[in-house]
Amino acid sequence: MKLNWTLPLLALAAVPALATELAAPAGGWNRSGLVDRSGEATVAYPHSPIDRGAQSKRSMIKGRIAAAAGKRAPHQLVVNGNPLRLTTDAQGEYARPYLFGAGSNSVEVRSPQGKSLRRVQFYETSAGRPLPGLRVICAWDDTEAEIDLHIVTPDGQHAYFGHPVLSNGGGLDVDSVDGPGPEMYTMTAPLRGNYHVYINYWGKLGANGYHFDESRRQMEMITARVTLVYNENTAREKREEFVLPMRSIGELTLVKSFTF
């Protein structure tokens, strides 16, 4: 049987090419060892994430949204059903990191009104990409905020920006140093026992670096969205979403304690 490799891309032709572009990942069959260029210098707006050693298999979602007159309302990036605020630079370009698991994956760009503008579906075939048994994703709606994801595992280990890789196989795959995230914790073979998920409103990013001045906040209150995904890309997949207000810098919030 001969596969038509162009079908996933041709399906996007109905959308005006100059309105919204989704340059990567491409649709169809992907093998990260051949197409993943995560090691190349790139920008994830407003700034690149810090590579703390747990992100070697991340991929960049890249594209461009045509500039509109006046102030641009934020678009939305939906990755495998997980909604993320999509920020761009002055030219409308965007690049966000994500760690895709094996199997079927989807990336979609939606307008501020919720209309689907671009969508690709691809199948990750790399043997080195096992299916995540547990994934926790944190994103937020203030581009100047820095929110940190913290996970405490059943054996007492604590995953956070200062200790991203755990000896039990779990770890932070994307540590977004600023902007709207995502920060992501992934574990392919979760331990049995109790997990605790926290988020910490760590600080703000200004022209002179990080600060903790409440009077200089861009938004009076920001909103964080935390998604828990169990057995991703399998028939047993289950997900939970939590939307949490973050009112003050330094606020530490317990999102959920659960037993796997």
C-alpha atoms as a PDB file:
ATOM      1  CA  MET A   1       0.000   0.000   0.000  1.00  0.00           C
ATOM      2  CA  LYS A   2       1.366   3.415  -0.955  1.00  0.00           C
ATOM      3  CA  LEU A   3       0.839   6.202   1.590  1.00  0.00           C
ATOM      4  CA  ASN A   4      -0.076   9.688   0.402  1.00  0.00           C
ATOM      5  CA  TRP A   5       2.218  11.833   2.533  1.00  0.00           C
ATOM      6  CA  THR A   6       0.714  15.142   1.382  1.00  0.00           C
ATOM      7  CA  LEU A   7      -2.846  14.693   2.534  1.00  0.00           C
ATOM      8  CA  PRO A   8      -2.489  16.166   6.047  1.00  0.00           C
ATOM      9  CA  LEU A   9      -0.916  19.318   4.607  1.00  0.00           C
ATOM     10  CA  LEU A  10      -3.359  19.707   1.709  1.00  0.00           C
ATOM     11  CA  ALA A  11      -6.232  19.663   4.171  1.00  0.00           C
ATOM     12  CA  LEU A  12      -5.013  23.041   5.427  1.00  0.00           C
ATOM     13  CA  ALA A  13      -5.137  24.731   2.041  1.00  0.00           C
ATOM     14  CA  ALA A  14      -8.673  26.016   2.575  1.00  0.00           C
ATOM     15  CA  VAL A  15      -7.358  28.462   5.174  1.00  0.00           C
ATOM     16  CA  PRO A  16      -5.790  31.641   3.716  1.00  0.00           C
ATOM     17  CA  ALA A  17      -2.031  31.092   3.708  1.00  0.00           C
ATOM     18  CA  LEU A  18      -1.201  34.571   4.968  1.00  0.00           C
ATOM     19  CA  ALA A  19      -3.669  34.528   7.858  1.00  0.00           C
ATOM     20  CA  THR A  20      -2.219  31.770  10.018  1.00  0.00           C
ATOM     21  CA  GLU A  21       0.779  29.525   9.472  1.00  0.00           C
ATOM     22  CA  LEU A  22       1.716  26.356  11.343  1.00  0.00           C
ATOM     23  CA  ALA A  23       5.200  25.520  10.120  1.00  0.00           C
ATOM     24  CA  ALA A  24       6.041  22.740  12.576  1.00  0.00           C
ATOM     25  CA  PRO A  25       5.301  20.008  13.358  1.00  0.00           C
ATOM     26  CA  ALA A  26       4.258  18.711   9.953  1.00  0.00           C
ATOM     27  CA  GLY A  27       1.321  16.376   9.458  1.00  0.00           C
ATOM     28  CA  GLY A  28       1.680  12.704   8.600  1.00  0.00           C
ATOM     29  CA  TRP A  29       4.136  10.158   9.949  1.00  0.00           C
ATOM     30  CA  ASN A  30       6.935  11.702  12.003  1.00  0.00           C
ATOM     31  CA  ARG A  31      10.040  10.259  13.489  1.00  0.00           C
ATOM     32  CA  SER A  32      11.673  12.710  15.868  1.00  0.00           C
ATOM     33  CA  GLY A  33      15.158  11.407  15.214  1.00  0.00           C
ATOM     34  CA  LEU A  34      14.813  12.631  11.639  1.00  0.00           C
ATOM     35  CA  VAL A  35      12.707  15.787  11.996  1.00  0.00           C
ATOM     36  CA  ASP A  36      13.238  17.062  15.551  1.00  0.00           C
ATOM     37  CA  ARG A  37      15.431  20.185  15.508  1.00  0.00           C
ATOM     38  CA  SER A  38      15.004  21.053  19.169  1.00  0.00           C
ATOM     39  CA  GLY A  39      18.764  21.424  19.544  1.00  0.00           C
ATOM     40  CA  GLU A  40      18.865  24.376  17.177  1.00  0.00           C
ATOM     41  CA  ALA A  41      18.848  27.921  18.503  1.00  0.00           C
ATOM     42  CA  THR A  42      15.269  29.149  18.605  1.00  0.00           C
ATOM     43  CA  VAL A  43      13.020  31.528  20.480  1.00  0.00           C
ATOM     44  CA  ALA A  44       9.903  30.683  22.461  1.00  0.00           C
ATOM     45  CA  TYR A  45       8.164  33.983  22.907  1.00  0.00           C
ATOM     46  CA  PRO A  46       8.710  36.070  24.829  1.00  0.00           C
ATOM     47  CA  HIS A  47      11.894  34.161  25.730  1.00  0.00           C
ATOM     48  CA  SER A  48      13.396  30.723  25.236  1.00  0.00           C
ATOM     49  CA  PRO A  49      12.884  28.137  27.994  1.00  0.00           C
ATOM     50  CA  ILE A  50      15.813  27.097  30.122  1.00  0.00           C
ATOM     51  CA  ASP A  51      17.148  23.666  29.207  1.00  0.00           C
ATOM     52  CA  ARG A  52      17.833  22.034  32.566  1.00  0.00           C
ATOM     53  CA  GLY A  53      18.732  18.660  31.094  1.00  0.00           C
ATOM     54  CA  ALA A  54      15.244  17.149  30.993  1.00  0.00           C
ATOM     55  CA  GLN A  55      14.170  18.582  27.657  1.00  0.00           C
ATOM     56  CA  SER A  56      16.310  16.768  25.110  1.00  0.00           C
ATOM     57  CA  LYS A  57      13.299  15.271  23.351  1.00  0.00           C
ATOM     58  CA  ARG A  58      11.124  18.366  23.189  1.00  0.00           C
ATOM     59  CA  SER A  59       9.869  19.687  19.863  1.00  0.00           C
ATOM     60  CA  MET A  60       9.047  23.238  18.872  1.00  0.00           C
ATOM     61  CA  ILE A  61       5.620  24.236  17.604  1.00  0.00           C
ATOM     62  CA  LYS A  62       6.323  27.121  15.236  1.00  0.00           C
ATOM     63  CA  GLY A  63       4.378  29.369  12.912  1.00  0.00           C
ATOM     64  CA  ARG A  64       3.095  32.854  12.236  1.00  0.00           C
ATOM     65  CA  ILE A  65      -0.142  34.750  12.689  1.00  0.00           C
ATOM     66  CA  ALA A  66      -0.676  37.694  10.334  1.00  0.00           C
ATOM     67  CA  ALA A  67      -0.723  41.065  12.078  1.00  0.00           C
ATOM     68  CA  ALA A  68      -4.137  42.611  12.578  1.00  0.00           C
ATOM     69  CA  ALA A  69      -5.002  46.292  12.893  1.00  0.00           C
ATOM     70  CA  GLY A  70      -4.903  47.544  16.445  1.00  0.00           C
ATOM     71  CA  LYS A  71      -4.058  45.454  19.478  1.00  0.00           C
ATOM     72  CA  ARG A  72      -3.918  41.732  18.772  1.00  0.00           C
ATOM     73  CA  ALA A  73      -6.212  39.572  20.884  1.00  0.00           C
ATOM     74  CA  PRO A  74      -4.509  36.362  22.050  1.00  0.00           C
ATOM     75  CA  HIS A  75      -4.964  33.251  19.944  1.00  0.00           C
ATOM     76  CA  GLN A  76      -5.062  29.786  21.448  1.00  0.00           C
ATOM     77  CA  LEU A  77      -2.802  26.820  20.831  1.00  0.00           C
ATOM     78  CA  VAL A  78      -4.461  23.460  21.487  1.00  0.00           C
ATOM     79  CA  VAL A  79      -2.061  20.536  21.753  1.00  0.00           C
ATOM     80  CA  ASN A  80      -3.639  17.091  22.162  1.00  0.00           C
ATOM     81  CA  GLY A  81      -6.690  18.806  23.610  1.00  0.00           C
ATOM     82  CA  ASN A  82      -4.680  20.951  26.041  1.00  0.00           C
ATOM     83  CA  PRO A  83      -5.409  24.689  25.533  1.00  0.00           C
ATOM     84  CA  LEU A  84      -2.499  27.124  25.817  1.00  0.00           C
ATOM     85  CA  ARG A  85      -2.386  30.887  25.368  1.00  0.00           C
ATOM     86  CA  LEU A  86      -0.463  31.655  22.166  1.00  0.00           C
ATOM     87  CA  THR A  87       1.856  34.670  22.339  1.00  0.00           C
ATOM     88  CA  THR A  88       3.752  36.102  19.374  1.00  0.00           C
ATOM     89  CA  ASP A  89       6.482  38.619  18.684  1.00  0.00           C
ATOM     90  CA  ALA A  90       5.950  41.923  16.868  1.00  0.00           C
ATOM     91  CA  GLN A  91       5.989  40.118  13.503  1.00  0.00           C
ATOM     92  CA  GLY A  92       3.358  37.620  14.621  1.00  0.00           C
ATOM     93  CA  GLU A  93       5.754  34.677  14.893  1.00  0.00           C
ATOM     94  CA  TYR A  94       5.406  32.102  17.657  1.00  0.00           C
ATOM     95  CA  ALA A  95       7.380  29.119  18.923  1.00  0.00           C
ATOM     96  CA  ARG A  96       6.402  27.022  21.922  1.00  0.00           C
ATOM     97  CA  PRO A  97       8.120  23.874  23.254  1.00  0.00           C
ATOM     98  CA  TYR A  98       6.222  20.634  23.804  1.00  0.00           C
ATOM     99  CA  LEU A  99       7.150  17.056  24.572  1.00  0.00           C
ATOM    100  CA  PHE A 100       5.067  14.766  22.349  1.00  0.00           C
ATOM    101  CA  GLY A 101       4.503  11.155  23.277  1.00  0.00           C
ATOM    102  CA  ALA A 102       4.389   8.210  20.902  1.00  0.00           C
ATOM    103  CA  GLY A 103       1.241   7.650  18.869  1.00  0.00           C
ATOM    104  CA  SER A 104      -1.287  10.117  17.493  1.00  0.00           C
ATOM    105  CA  ASN A 105      -0.785  13.814  18.274  1.00  0.00           C
ATOM    106  CA  SER A 106      -2.583  16.957  17.161  1.00  0.00           C
ATOM    107  CA  VAL A 107      -1.765  20.665  17.102  1.00  0.00           C
ATOM    108  CA  GLU A 108      -4.377  23.321  16.419  1.00  0.00           C
ATOM    109  CA  VAL A 109      -4.360  27.124  16.296  1.00  0.00           C
ATOM    110  CA  ARG A 110      -7.645  28.808  17.215  1.00  0.00           C
ATOM    111  CA  SER A 111      -8.729  32.407  16.849  1.00  0.00           C
ATOM    112  CA  PRO A 112      -9.632  34.528  19.907  1.00  0.00           C
ATOM    113  CA  GLN A 113     -13.242  33.659  19.090  1.00  0.00           C
ATOM    114  CA  GLY A 114     -12.516  29.922  19.207  1.00  0.00           C
ATOM    115  CA  LYS A 115     -12.514  29.281  15.440  1.00  0.00           C
ATOM    116  CA  SER A 116     -10.087  26.645  14.191  1.00  0.00           C
ATOM    117  CA  LEU A 117      -7.542  28.294  11.856  1.00  0.00           C
ATOM    118  CA  ARG A 118      -4.904  25.629  11.381  1.00  0.00           C
ATOM    119  CA  ARG A 119      -4.701  22.010  12.470  1.00  0.00           C
ATOM    120  CA  VAL A 120      -2.274  19.159  11.849  1.00  0.00           C
ATOM    121  CA  GLN A 121      -2.473  15.550  12.957  1.00  0.00           C
ATOM    122  CA  PHE A 122       0.668  13.445  13.013  1.00  0.00           C
ATOM    123  CA  TYR A 123       1.803  10.082  14.278  1.00  0.00           C
ATOM    124  CA  GLU A 124       5.000   9.961  16.335  1.00  0.00           C
ATOM    125  CA  THR A 125       6.746   6.666  15.576  1.00  0.00           C
ATOM    126  CA  SER A 126      10.019   7.032  17.481  1.00  0.00           C
ATOM    127  CA  ALA A 127      10.852   4.054  19.670  1.00  0.00           C
ATOM    128  CA  GLY A 128      12.405   6.416  22.200  1.00  0.00           C
ATOM    129  CA  ARG A 129       9.098   8.168  22.842  1.00  0.00           C
ATOM    130  CA  PRO A 130       7.042   5.976  25.207  1.00  0.00           C
ATOM    131  CA  LEU A 131       3.483   6.865  26.085  1.00  0.00           C
ATOM    132  CA  PRO A 132       3.214   9.088  29.179  1.00  0.00           C
ATOM    133  CA  GLY A 133       1.440   7.333  32.024  1.00  0.00           C
ATOM    134  CA  LEU A 134       1.107  10.642  33.862  1.00  0.00           C
ATOM    135  CA  ARG A 135       1.402  14.144  32.487  1.00  0.00           C
ATOM    136  CA  VAL A 136       0.792  17.442  34.297  1.00  0.00           C
ATOM    137  CA  ILE A 137       0.625  20.636  32.224  1.00  0.00           C
ATOM    138  CA  CYS A 138       0.526  24.178  33.592  1.00  0.00           C
ATOM    139  CA  ALA A 139      -0.172  27.306  31.510  1.00  0.00           C
ATOM    140  CA  TRP A 140      -1.318  30.821  32.416  1.00  0.00           C
ATOM    141  CA  ASP A 141      -2.601  34.047  30.851  1.00  0.00           C
ATOM    142  CA  ASP A 142      -0.040  36.725  31.793  1.00  0.00           C
ATOM    143  CA  THR A 143       3.037  36.941  29.557  1.00  0.00           C
ATOM    144  CA  GLU A 144       5.055  38.677  32.304  1.00  0.00           C
ATOM    145  CA  ALA A 145       4.302  36.140  35.029  1.00  0.00           C
ATOM    146  CA  GLU A 146       6.556  33.290  36.100  1.00  0.00           C
ATOM    147  CA  ILE A 147       4.601  30.369  37.536  1.00  0.00           C
ATOM    148  CA  ASP A 148       6.435  27.240  38.608  1.00  0.00           C
ATOM    149  CA  LEU A 149       5.044  23.720  38.629  1.00  0.00           C
ATOM    150  CA  HIS A 150       5.973  21.511  41.603  1.00  0.00           C
ATOM    151  CA  ILE A 151       5.282  17.765  41.828  1.00  0.00           C
ATOM    152  CA  VAL A 152       5.850  15.589  44.915  1.00  0.00           C
ATOM    153  CA  THR A 153       5.939  11.876  44.064  1.00  0.00           C
ATOM    154  CA  PRO A 154       5.063   8.865  46.290  1.00  0.00           C
ATOM    155  CA  ASP A 155       8.716   8.216  47.168  1.00  0.00           C
ATOM    156  CA  GLY A 156       9.092  11.746  48.528  1.00  0.00           C
ATOM    157  CA  GLN A 157      10.956  13.260  45.581  1.00  0.00           C
ATOM    158  CA  HIS A 158      10.191  16.842  44.565  1.00  0.00           C
ATOM    159  CA  ALA A 159      10.322  17.939  40.913  1.00  0.00           C
ATOM    160  CA  TYR A 160      10.663  21.684  40.327  1.00  0.00           C
ATOM    161  CA  PHE A 161      12.883  24.108  38.395  1.00  0.00           C
ATOM    162  CA  GLY A 162      15.837  23.551  40.711  1.00  0.00           C
ATOM    163  CA  HIS A 163      15.546  19.726  40.575  1.00  0.00           C
ATOM    164  CA  PRO A 164      13.857  18.850  37.269  1.00  0.00           C
ATOM    165  CA  VAL A 165      14.986  15.232  36.792  1.00  0.00           C
ATOM    166  CA  LEU A 166      13.971  12.591  39.337  1.00  0.00           C
ATOM    167  CA  SER A 167      15.586   9.193  39.825  1.00  0.00           C
ATOM    168  CA  ASN A 168      12.174   7.479  39.572  1.00  0.00           C
ATOM    169  CA  GLY A 169      11.812   8.352  35.870  1.00  0.00           C
ATOM    170  CA  GLY A 170       9.724  11.495  36.225  1.00  0.00           C
ATOM    171  CA  GLY A 171      10.718  15.065  35.570  1.00  0.00           C
ATOM    172  CA  LEU A 172       9.955  18.484  34.153  1.00  0.00           C
ATOM    173  CA  ASP A 173      10.183  18.369  30.359  1.00  0.00           C
ATOM    174  CA  VAL A 174       9.603  22.061  29.702  1.00  0.00           C
ATOM    175  CA  ASP A 175      10.575  24.784  32.162  1.00  0.00           C
ATOM    176  CA  SER A 176       9.162  28.006  30.782  1.00  0.00           C
ATOM    177  CA  VAL A 177      11.089  30.792  32.474  1.00  0.00           C
ATOM    178  CA  ASP A 178       8.470  33.396  31.596  1.00  0.00           C
ATOM    179  CA  GLY A 179       5.568  33.896  29.256  1.00  0.00           C
ATOM    180  CA  PRO A 180       2.415  31.787  29.433  1.00  0.00           C
ATOM    181  CA  GLY A 181       4.039  28.359  29.668  1.00  0.00           C
ATOM    182  CA  PRO A 182       3.655  25.505  29.381  1.00  0.00           C
ATOM    183  CA  GLU A 183       5.493  23.873  32.222  1.00  0.00           C
ATOM    184  CA  MET A 184       5.106  20.120  31.991  1.00  0.00           C
ATOM    185  CA  TYR A 185       5.801  17.121  34.205  1.00  0.00           C
ATOM    186  CA  THR A 186       5.906  13.680  32.570  1.00  0.00           C
ATOM    187  CA  MET A 187       6.271  10.154  33.945  1.00  0.00           C
ATOM    188  CA  THR A 188       6.065   7.135  31.645  1.00  0.00           C
ATOM    189  CA  ALA A 189       5.739   4.512  34.401  1.00  0.00           C
ATOM    190  CA  PRO A 190       4.191   6.240  37.430  1.00  0.00           C
ATOM    191  CA  LEU A 191       4.837   4.841  40.877  1.00  0.00           C
ATOM    192  CA  ARG A 192       1.842   3.630  42.835  1.00  0.00           C
ATOM    193  CA  GLY A 193       0.963   5.942  45.680  1.00  0.00           C
ATOM    194  CA  ASN A 194       0.134   9.562  46.516  1.00  0.00           C
ATOM    195  CA  TYR A 195       1.051  12.543  44.335  1.00  0.00           C
ATOM    196  CA  HIS A 196       0.800  16.232  45.190  1.00  0.00           C
ATOM    197  CA  VAL A 197       0.592  18.940  42.513  1.00  0.00           C
ATOM    198  CA  TYR A 198       1.407  22.552  43.411  1.00  0.00           C
ATOM    199  CA  ILE A 199       1.862  25.793  41.486  1.00  0.00           C
ATOM    200  CA  ASN A 200       3.826  28.779  42.761  1.00  0.00           C
ATOM    201  CA  TYR A 201       3.387  32.349  41.515  1.00  0.00           C
ATOM    202  CA  TRP A 202       7.113  33.032  41.674  1.00  0.00           C
ATOM    203  CA  GLY A 203       7.454  36.557  40.282  1.00  0.00           C
ATOM    204  CA  LYS A 204       7.247  38.892  37.314  1.00  0.00           C
ATOM    205  CA  LEU A 205       9.529  39.740  34.417  1.00  0.00           C
ATOM    206  CA  GLY A 206      10.122  43.393  33.587  1.00  0.00           C
ATOM    207  CA  ALA A 207      12.525  45.432  31.495  1.00  0.00           C
ATOM    208  CA  ASN A 208      15.204  45.086  34.176  1.00  0.00           C
ATOM    209  CA  GLY A 209      14.697  41.385  34.886  1.00  0.00           C
ATOM    210  CA  TYR A 210      12.636  39.589  37.503  1.00  0.00           C
ATOM    211  CA  HIS A 211      10.939  41.570  40.238  1.00  0.00           C
ATOM    212  CA  PHE A 212       8.418  41.049  43.012  1.00  0.00           C
ATOM    213  CA  ASP A 213       6.731  44.466  43.040  1.00  0.00           C
ATOM    214  CA  GLU A 214       2.958  44.025  43.220  1.00  0.00           C
ATOM    215  CA  SER A 215       2.350  47.611  42.040  1.00  0.00           C
ATOM    216  CA  ARG A 216       3.984  46.849  38.663  1.00  0.00           C
ATOM    217  CA  ARG A 217       1.768  43.901  37.823  1.00  0.00           C
ATOM    218  CA  GLN A 218       0.326  43.849  34.312  1.00  0.00           C
ATOM    219  CA  MET A 219      -2.928  42.205  35.410  1.00  0.00           C
ATOM    220  CA  GLU A 220      -4.763  42.495  38.734  1.00  0.00           C
ATOM    221  CA  MET A 221      -5.328  38.751  38.797  1.00  0.00           C
ATOM    222  CA  ILE A 222      -3.976  36.071  36.509  1.00  0.00           C
ATOM    223  CA  THR A 223      -5.437  32.655  35.814  1.00  0.00           C
ATOM    224  CA  ALA A 224      -3.502  29.399  35.669  1.00  0.00           C
ATOM    225  CA  ARG A 225      -4.835  26.243  34.004  1.00  0.00           C
ATOM    226  CA  VAL A 226      -3.488  22.901  35.200  1.00  0.00           C
ATOM    227  CA  THR A 227      -4.318  19.727  33.259  1.00  0.00           C
ATOM    228  CA  LEU A 228      -3.720  16.218  34.592  1.00  0.00           C
ATOM    229  CA  VAL A 229      -3.608  13.539  31.896  1.00  0.00           C
ATOM    230  CA  TYR A 230      -3.537   9.840  32.801  1.00  0.00           C
ATOM    231  CA  ASN A 231      -2.522   7.151  30.260  1.00  0.00           C
ATOM    232  CA  GLU A 232      -2.221   9.616  27.387  1.00  0.00           C
ATOM    233  CA  ASN A 233      -2.991   8.396  23.856  1.00  0.00           C
ATOM    234  CA  THR A 234      -4.499   5.118  25.047  1.00  0.00           C
ATOM    235  CA  ALA A 235      -8.044   3.807  25.351  1.00  0.00           C
ATOM    236  CA  ARG A 236      -7.759   4.399  29.116  1.00  0.00           C
ATOM    237  CA  GLU A 237      -6.917   8.104  28.816  1.00  0.00           C
ATOM    238  CA  LYS A 238      -8.509  10.304  31.436  1.00  0.00           C
ATOM    239  CA  ARG A 239      -7.975  13.995  32.087  1.00  0.00           C
ATOM    240  CA  GLU A 240      -8.826  16.567  34.708  1.00  0.00           C
ATOM    241  CA  GLU A 241      -8.603  20.344  34.371  1.00  0.00           C
ATOM    242  CA  PHE A 242      -8.297  22.983  37.073  1.00  0.00           C
ATOM    243  CA  VAL A 243      -8.545  26.756  36.571  1.00  0.00           C
ATOM    244  CA  LEU A 244      -7.009  28.651  39.457  1.00  0.00           C
ATOM    245  CA  PRO A 245      -6.796  32.397  40.205  1.00  0.00           C
ATOM    246  CA  MET A 246      -3.349  33.665  41.217  1.00  0.00           C
ATOM    247  CA  ARG A 247      -3.821  36.910  43.127  1.00  0.00           C
ATOM    248  CA  SER A 248      -0.436  37.729  44.613  1.00  0.00           C
ATOM    249  CA  ILE A 249       3.246  37.115  43.951  1.00  0.00           C
ATOM    250  CA  GLY A 250       4.570  34.321  46.150  1.00  0.00           C
ATOM    251  CA  GLU A 251       1.223  32.526  46.305  1.00  0.00           C
ATOM    252  CA  LEU A 252       1.597  28.721  46.617  1.00  0.00           C
ATOM    253  CA  THR A 253      -1.468  26.694  45.661  1.00  0.00           C
ATOM    254  CA  LEU A 254      -2.149  23.000  46.104  1.00  0.00           C
ATOM    255  CA  VAL A 255      -3.862  22.000  42.875  1.00  0.00           C
ATOM    256  CA  LYS A 256      -4.626  18.391  43.760  1.00  0.00           C
ATOM    257  CA  SER A 257      -3.469  15.422  45.819  1.00  0.00           C
ATOM    258  CA  PHE A 258      -4.338  12.094  44.216  1.00  0.00           C
ATOM    259  CA  THR A 259      -3.499   8.395  44.296  1.00  0.00           C
ATOM    260  CA  PHE A 260      -2.296   6.686  41.137  1.00  0.00           C
END
